[in-house]
Amino acid sequence: EETAMKVVDILRVKGGTLFTVTPDEPLNLAVTVMAEHDIGSLVVMEHGELAGMLTFREVMQAVVKNGGSLGGTLVRSMMDDHPLTCTPETEIDERSEEGRVGKKG
């Protein structure tokens, strides 16, 4: 029987560095951080608490919404403010198309 992959296994491979932005930073600054570090998402933190997630998907939605530019858009207006959270011991459901985090753990 195969052991289920857990979030901690992914973190071990990807490394422990967490890149963050605040909700009130300009979206173009967040995009610069993502490009400089070759990452597809940022954790949005406010007053030491998780406020949301910003992914490449939200950035592209902002570009389309603003006619091809980021303009003066703030991270807050595009971030996912209810991201799925889990623990390092949460199992990953490898059967799903996107490798979503399972309900166990």
Protein backbone atom coordinates (compact mmCIF):
# COMPACT_ATOMS: atom_id res chain seq x y z
CA GLU A 1 0.00 0.00 0.00
CA GLU A 2 1.32 3.41 -1.01
CA THR A 3 1.71 6.15 1.58
CA ALA A 4 -0.23 9.31 0.76
CA MET A 5 1.80 12.40 -0.07
CA LYS A 6 1.48 15.16 2.48
CA VAL A 7 1.93 18.91 2.33
CA VAL A 8 5.13 18.53 4.36
CA ASP A 9 6.60 16.44 1.51
CA ILE A 10 6.01 19.26 -0.95
CA LEU A 11 7.46 21.84 1.43
CA ARG A 12 10.59 19.71 1.82
CA VAL A 13 11.12 19.80 -1.96
CA LYS A 14 10.15 23.44 -2.55
CA GLY A 15 12.04 24.81 0.43
CA GLY A 16 10.92 26.75 3.45
CA THR A 17 11.08 30.29 2.06
CA LEU A 18 7.79 32.15 2.15
CA PHE A 19 7.38 35.22 -0.04
CA THR A 20 4.77 37.70 1.14
CA VAL A 21 3.13 41.01 0.27
CA THR A 22 0.61 43.18 2.08
CA PRO A 23 -2.90 43.89 0.77
CA ASP A 24 -2.20 47.59 0.26
CA GLU A 25 0.89 47.14 -1.92
CA PRO A 26 0.58 47.90 -5.63
CA LEU A 27 -0.05 44.83 -7.75
CA ASN A 28 2.92 45.73 -9.97
CA LEU A 29 5.23 45.38 -6.93
CA ALA A 30 3.81 41.92 -6.23
CA VAL A 31 4.36 40.93 -9.87
CA THR A 32 7.99 42.11 -9.62
CA VAL A 33 8.55 39.91 -6.54
CA MET A 34 6.96 36.93 -8.33
CA ALA A 35 9.14 37.45 -11.41
CA GLU A 36 12.38 38.00 -9.46
CA HIS A 37 11.91 34.77 -7.52
CA ASP A 38 10.27 32.76 -10.33
CA ILE A 39 7.21 31.94 -8.23
CA GLY A 40 3.55 31.73 -9.17
CA SER A 41 1.97 32.90 -5.93
CA LEU A 42 2.46 35.10 -2.90
CA VAL A 43 1.04 34.89 0.60
CA VAL A 44 -0.73 38.12 1.54
CA MET A 45 -0.10 39.07 5.17
CA GLU A 46 -1.61 41.89 7.21
CA HIS A 47 -0.65 42.62 10.83
CA GLY A 48 1.04 39.22 11.11
CA GLU A 49 -2.07 37.35 9.97
CA LEU A 50 -2.92 35.55 6.72
CA ALA A 51 -5.07 37.93 4.67
CA GLY A 52 -5.12 36.00 1.41
CA MET A 53 -3.22 34.59 -1.56
CA LEU A 54 -2.23 36.19 -4.81
CA THR A 55 -1.57 33.86 -7.72
CA PHE A 56 -0.62 34.28 -11.37
CA ARG A 57 -4.31 33.71 -12.15
CA GLU A 58 -5.43 36.80 -10.21
CA VAL A 59 -2.65 38.84 -11.81
CA MET A 60 -3.85 37.85 -15.30
CA GLN A 61 -7.44 38.71 -14.36
CA ALA A 62 -6.24 42.18 -13.32
CA VAL A 63 -4.40 42.66 -16.61
CA VAL A 64 -7.52 41.74 -18.59
CA LYS A 65 -9.75 43.91 -16.36
CA ASN A 66 -7.41 46.90 -16.87
CA GLY A 67 -7.12 46.61 -20.64
CA GLY A 68 -3.64 45.09 -20.68
CA SER A 69 -1.96 46.87 -17.76
CA LEU A 70 -1.91 46.69 -13.99
CA GLY A 71 -2.56 50.40 -13.55
CA GLY A 72 -2.84 51.44 -9.92
CA THR A 73 -4.43 48.17 -8.83
CA LEU A 74 -3.73 47.11 -5.24
CA VAL A 75 -3.13 43.52 -4.16
CA ARG A 76 -6.25 43.73 -1.94
CA SER A 77 -8.58 44.18 -4.90
CA MET A 78 -7.38 41.04 -6.71
CA MET A 79 -6.23 38.60 -3.98
CA ASP A 80 -8.17 35.52 -2.92
CA ASP A 81 -9.21 36.57 0.58
CA HIS A 82 -10.51 33.12 1.57
CA PRO A 83 -7.69 30.75 0.58
CA LEU A 84 -7.79 27.07 1.45
CA THR A 85 -5.54 26.41 4.41
CA CYS A 86 -4.12 23.19 5.82
CA THR A 87 -1.44 21.75 8.09
CA PRO A 88 1.88 20.19 7.01
CA GLU A 89 0.36 16.78 7.79
CA THR A 90 -2.60 17.23 5.43
CA GLU A 91 -2.70 14.55 2.74
CA ILE A 92 -2.69 15.54 -0.93
CA ASP A 93 -5.35 13.98 -3.15
CA GLU A 94 -3.27 13.01 -6.17
CA ARG A 95 -6.32 11.71 -8.03
CA SER A 96 -7.78 15.16 -8.54
CA GLU A 97 -6.84 17.17 -11.62
CA GLU A 98 -5.16 19.95 -9.67
CA GLY A 99 -3.68 17.90 -6.83
CA ARG A 100 -6.00 19.57 -4.38
CA VAL A 101 -5.45 19.28 -0.67
CA GLY A 102 -7.57 16.50 0.77
CA LYS A 103 -9.96 16.78 3.70
CA LYS A 104 -7.92 14.42 5.89
CA GLY A 105 -5.31 15.36 8.39
